[in-house]
Amino acid sequence: MRVAVTGNMGSGKSTFASMLEERGGILVDADALARRAVDEDIQVRRDLAAAFGPDLLSENDHLDRRELARRALADAAGRLQLEGIVRPRLEPILMKALTTAQAHGAIAVLDAALVFEWDIDHWFDRIFVVKADLNKATARVVNSRSLSAAEVNERRAAQIKSHEYRGEVESVDNNGSLAELALKAEQVWMSLKSSVAKE
């Protein structure tokens, strides 16, 4: 079984995905794979610098990720340009990771923000959308990362709005405590295991 966990910045999607991993899921982290894809391919970094500014690359070809995000996610055109460079390299890596994970465990769990934006929702048997109130989500990101509220809002603007998710998705409310989220993860995990057992 393939499961996707998605949600906007600060929703707690990665926390929820990790909770499913703790219960036996095989986690595939899209952000980690994207970083690796960029780090291991100098041409990707050069393409990004050509698109968004040569000063993004240092003399030793180190990419300034924070500044890249600020420029690329400032508007829809920049986001599409960023996706056009990164997606062709990343998408086959994601598919391979999911296939490998599924081969080693009954339930593969993808942690990814752009499941719908990239039109890969059809890859999955079940999709969970983690949601949190806007102010709460923003505060979480500001407190856990070196990002300002303005930067969070810029990046969030590049993501699909919660009411625009298509198809059959299952909402996970994350406006409570970690203990409450863990309880929901346990309930979801038992449901996933039951579905696998019936296959």
Protein backbone atom coordinates (compact mmCIF):
# COMPACT_ATOMS: atom_id res chain seq x y z
CA MET A 1 0.00 0.00 0.00
CA ARG A 2 1.14 3.53 -0.78
CA VAL A 3 0.05 6.38 1.47
CA ALA A 4 0.69 10.11 1.06
CA VAL A 5 0.75 12.61 3.90
CA THR A 6 0.50 16.21 2.76
CA GLY A 7 -0.49 19.63 4.07
CA ASN A 8 0.62 23.24 4.01
CA MET A 9 3.57 24.70 5.93
CA GLY A 10 3.22 24.37 9.68
CA SER A 11 0.34 21.92 9.47
CA GLY A 12 2.39 19.17 11.09
CA LYS A 13 2.40 16.80 8.13
CA SER A 14 5.99 15.68 8.72
CA THR A 15 5.27 15.04 12.39
CA PHE A 16 2.25 12.96 11.46
CA ALA A 17 4.19 11.05 8.79
CA SER A 18 6.93 10.32 11.34
CA MET A 19 4.31 8.97 13.73
CA LEU A 20 3.17 6.54 11.03
CA GLU A 21 6.82 5.55 10.52
CA GLU A 22 7.16 4.87 14.26
CA ARG A 23 4.25 2.45 13.97
CA GLY A 24 5.81 0.50 11.12
CA GLY A 25 5.45 2.53 7.95
CA ILE A 26 8.39 2.91 5.56
CA LEU A 27 8.90 6.66 5.26
CA VAL A 28 9.84 8.43 2.03
CA ASP A 29 10.76 12.06 2.73
CA ALA A 30 10.27 14.17 -0.41
CA ASP A 31 12.17 17.18 0.97
CA ALA A 32 15.20 15.05 1.87
CA LEU A 33 15.21 13.43 -1.56
CA ALA A 34 14.89 16.83 -3.25
CA ARG A 35 17.88 18.15 -1.30
CA ARG A 36 19.90 15.10 -2.26
CA ALA A 37 18.90 15.38 -5.91
CA VAL A 38 20.09 18.99 -6.00
CA ASP A 39 23.24 18.33 -3.97
CA GLU A 40 24.31 15.43 -6.18
CA ASP A 41 23.65 17.11 -9.54
CA ILE A 42 25.77 20.17 -10.28
CA GLN A 43 23.77 20.80 -13.45
CA VAL A 44 20.57 21.21 -11.42
CA ARG A 45 22.28 23.79 -9.23
CA ARG A 46 23.61 25.63 -12.26
CA ASP A 47 20.18 25.58 -13.91
CA LEU A 48 18.67 27.05 -10.74
CA ALA A 49 21.33 29.74 -10.62
CA ALA A 50 20.77 30.56 -14.29
CA ALA A 51 17.05 30.92 -13.65
CA PHE A 52 17.07 32.78 -10.35
CA GLY A 53 20.43 34.52 -10.14
CA PRO A 54 24.11 33.51 -10.44
CA ASP A 55 24.79 34.82 -6.93
CA LEU A 56 22.85 31.83 -5.56
CA LEU A 57 25.94 29.69 -6.19
CA SER A 58 29.13 30.21 -4.22
CA GLU A 59 32.61 29.69 -5.71
CA ASN A 60 32.51 26.04 -4.62
CA ASP A 61 29.03 25.60 -6.16
CA HIS A 62 27.17 25.68 -2.83
CA LEU A 63 23.53 26.69 -3.33
CA ASP A 64 21.90 29.32 -1.12
CA ARG A 65 18.62 27.45 -0.57
CA ARG A 66 16.94 30.08 1.56
CA GLU A 67 17.47 32.84 -0.99
CA LEU A 68 16.43 30.49 -3.79
CA ALA A 69 13.14 29.82 -2.00
CA ARG A 70 12.59 33.53 -1.41
CA ARG A 71 13.02 34.32 -5.10
CA ALA A 72 11.38 31.25 -6.61
CA LEU A 73 8.29 31.31 -4.41
CA ALA A 74 7.61 35.02 -4.72
CA ASP A 75 5.02 34.37 -7.43
CA ALA A 76 3.36 31.61 -9.43
CA ALA A 77 5.71 32.07 -12.40
CA GLY A 78 8.76 31.52 -10.21
CA ARG A 79 7.24 28.44 -8.61
CA LEU A 80 6.50 26.93 -12.01
CA GLN A 81 10.03 27.68 -13.17
CA LEU A 82 11.46 26.04 -10.05
CA GLU A 83 9.28 22.97 -10.54
CA GLY A 84 10.29 22.79 -14.19
CA ILE A 85 13.93 22.44 -13.17
CA VAL A 86 13.62 20.19 -10.12
CA ARG A 87 10.62 18.00 -10.88
CA PRO A 88 12.06 16.05 -13.85
CA ARG A 89 15.01 14.99 -11.65
CA LEU A 90 13.01 14.34 -8.49
CA GLU A 91 9.89 12.56 -9.70
CA PRO A 92 11.61 9.32 -10.82
CA ILE A 93 13.61 9.32 -7.57
CA LEU A 94 10.38 9.53 -5.57
CA MET A 95 8.80 6.69 -7.54
CA LYS A 96 11.87 4.50 -7.08
CA ALA A 97 11.96 5.22 -3.34
CA LEU A 98 8.27 4.37 -2.96
CA THR A 99 8.65 1.16 -4.94
CA THR A 100 11.66 0.14 -2.85
CA ALA A 101 9.88 1.01 0.39
CA GLN A 102 6.81 -0.93 -0.64
CA ALA A 103 8.98 -3.95 -1.44
CA HIS A 104 10.40 -3.91 2.12
CA GLY A 105 7.22 -3.18 4.02
CA ALA A 106 3.50 -3.41 3.57
CA ILE A 107 2.89 0.35 3.85
CA ALA A 108 5.01 3.05 2.17
CA VAL A 109 4.39 6.58 3.50
CA LEU A 110 5.32 9.64 1.44
CA ASP A 111 5.81 12.92 3.31
CA ALA A 112 5.38 15.61 0.64
CA ALA A 113 3.85 19.06 0.33
CA LEU A 114 3.23 19.00 -3.44
CA VAL A 115 1.28 15.78 -3.99
CA PHE A 116 -1.55 17.56 -5.81
CA GLU A 117 0.50 20.35 -7.35
CA TRP A 118 2.65 17.74 -9.08
CA ASP A 119 -0.37 15.60 -10.10
CA ILE A 120 1.00 12.47 -8.43
CA ASP A 121 -2.04 11.88 -6.23
CA HIS A 122 -3.00 8.92 -8.44
CA TRP A 123 0.11 7.10 -7.18
CA PHE A 124 -1.49 6.53 -3.78
CA ASP A 125 -4.11 4.29 -2.26
CA ARG A 126 -4.91 6.79 0.49
CA ILE A 127 -4.04 10.46 1.01
CA PHE A 128 -4.07 12.22 4.37
CA VAL A 129 -4.16 16.02 4.50
CA VAL A 130 -2.94 17.43 7.82
CA LYS A 131 -4.57 20.77 8.62
CA ALA A 132 -4.04 23.48 11.24
CA ASP A 133 -5.34 26.99 11.76
CA LEU A 134 -3.31 29.54 9.80
CA ASN A 135 -1.98 31.50 12.77
CA LYS A 136 -1.05 28.35 14.64
CA ALA A 137 0.71 26.90 11.60
CA THR A 138 2.67 30.10 10.98
CA ALA A 139 3.77 30.28 14.62
CA ARG A 140 5.00 26.68 14.47
CA VAL A 141 7.22 27.38 11.48
CA VAL A 142 8.57 30.67 12.84
CA ASN A 143 9.43 29.00 16.15
CA SER A 144 11.05 25.93 14.61
CA ARG A 145 12.91 27.37 11.61
CA SER A 146 14.89 30.50 10.86
CA LEU A 147 12.06 31.95 8.78
CA SER A 148 10.01 35.09 9.28
CA ALA A 149 6.23 35.14 9.12
CA ALA A 150 6.50 36.95 5.78
CA GLU A 151 8.70 34.19 4.34
CA VAL A 152 6.28 31.54 5.61
CA ASN A 153 3.39 33.33 3.91
CA GLU A 154 5.37 33.60 0.65
CA ARG A 155 6.08 29.88 0.62
CA ARG A 156 2.56 28.96 1.64
CA ALA A 157 1.19 31.00 -1.27
CA ALA A 158 2.90 28.55 -3.63
CA GLN A 159 1.00 25.63 -2.12
CA ILE A 160 -2.48 24.48 -2.97
CA LYS A 161 -5.24 25.73 -0.68
CA SER A 162 -6.86 23.15 1.59
CA HIS A 163 -10.27 23.51 -0.06
CA GLU A 164 -8.74 22.79 -3.49
CA TYR A 165 -7.63 19.22 -2.76
CA ARG A 166 -9.32 16.93 -5.24
CA GLY A 167 -10.52 13.36 -5.03
CA GLU A 168 -10.88 11.32 -1.88
CA VAL A 169 -8.66 12.76 0.83
CA GLU A 170 -8.81 12.17 4.56
CA SER A 171 -8.39 15.20 6.80
CA VAL A 172 -6.32 15.11 9.98
CA ASP A 173 -6.96 18.03 12.33
CA ASN A 174 -3.78 19.17 14.08
CA ASN A 175 -4.88 22.08 16.21
CA GLY A 176 -4.40 20.18 19.45
CA SER A 177 -1.49 18.63 21.32
CA LEU A 178 1.12 16.15 20.14
CA ALA A 179 -0.60 13.51 22.25
CA GLU A 180 -3.85 14.13 20.39
CA LEU A 181 -2.06 13.88 17.05
CA ALA A 182 -0.40 10.65 18.15
CA LEU A 183 -3.80 9.20 18.98
CA LYS A 184 -5.02 10.07 15.48
CA ALA A 185 -1.88 8.50 14.01
CA GLU A 186 -2.60 5.31 15.94
CA GLN A 187 -6.17 5.24 14.63
CA VAL A 188 -5.01 5.83 11.06
CA TRP A 189 -2.32 3.19 11.38
CA MET A 190 -4.79 0.57 12.59
CA SER A 191 -7.06 1.47 9.66
CA LEU A 192 -4.17 1.11 7.20
CA LYS A 193 -3.17 -2.26 8.62
CA SER A 194 -6.77 -3.43 8.39
CA SER A 195 -6.94 -2.38 4.74
CA VAL A 196 -3.72 -4.24 3.94
CA ALA A 197 -4.97 -7.36 5.69
CA LYS A 198 -8.06 -7.39 3.46
CA GLU A 199 -6.04 -7.21 0.23
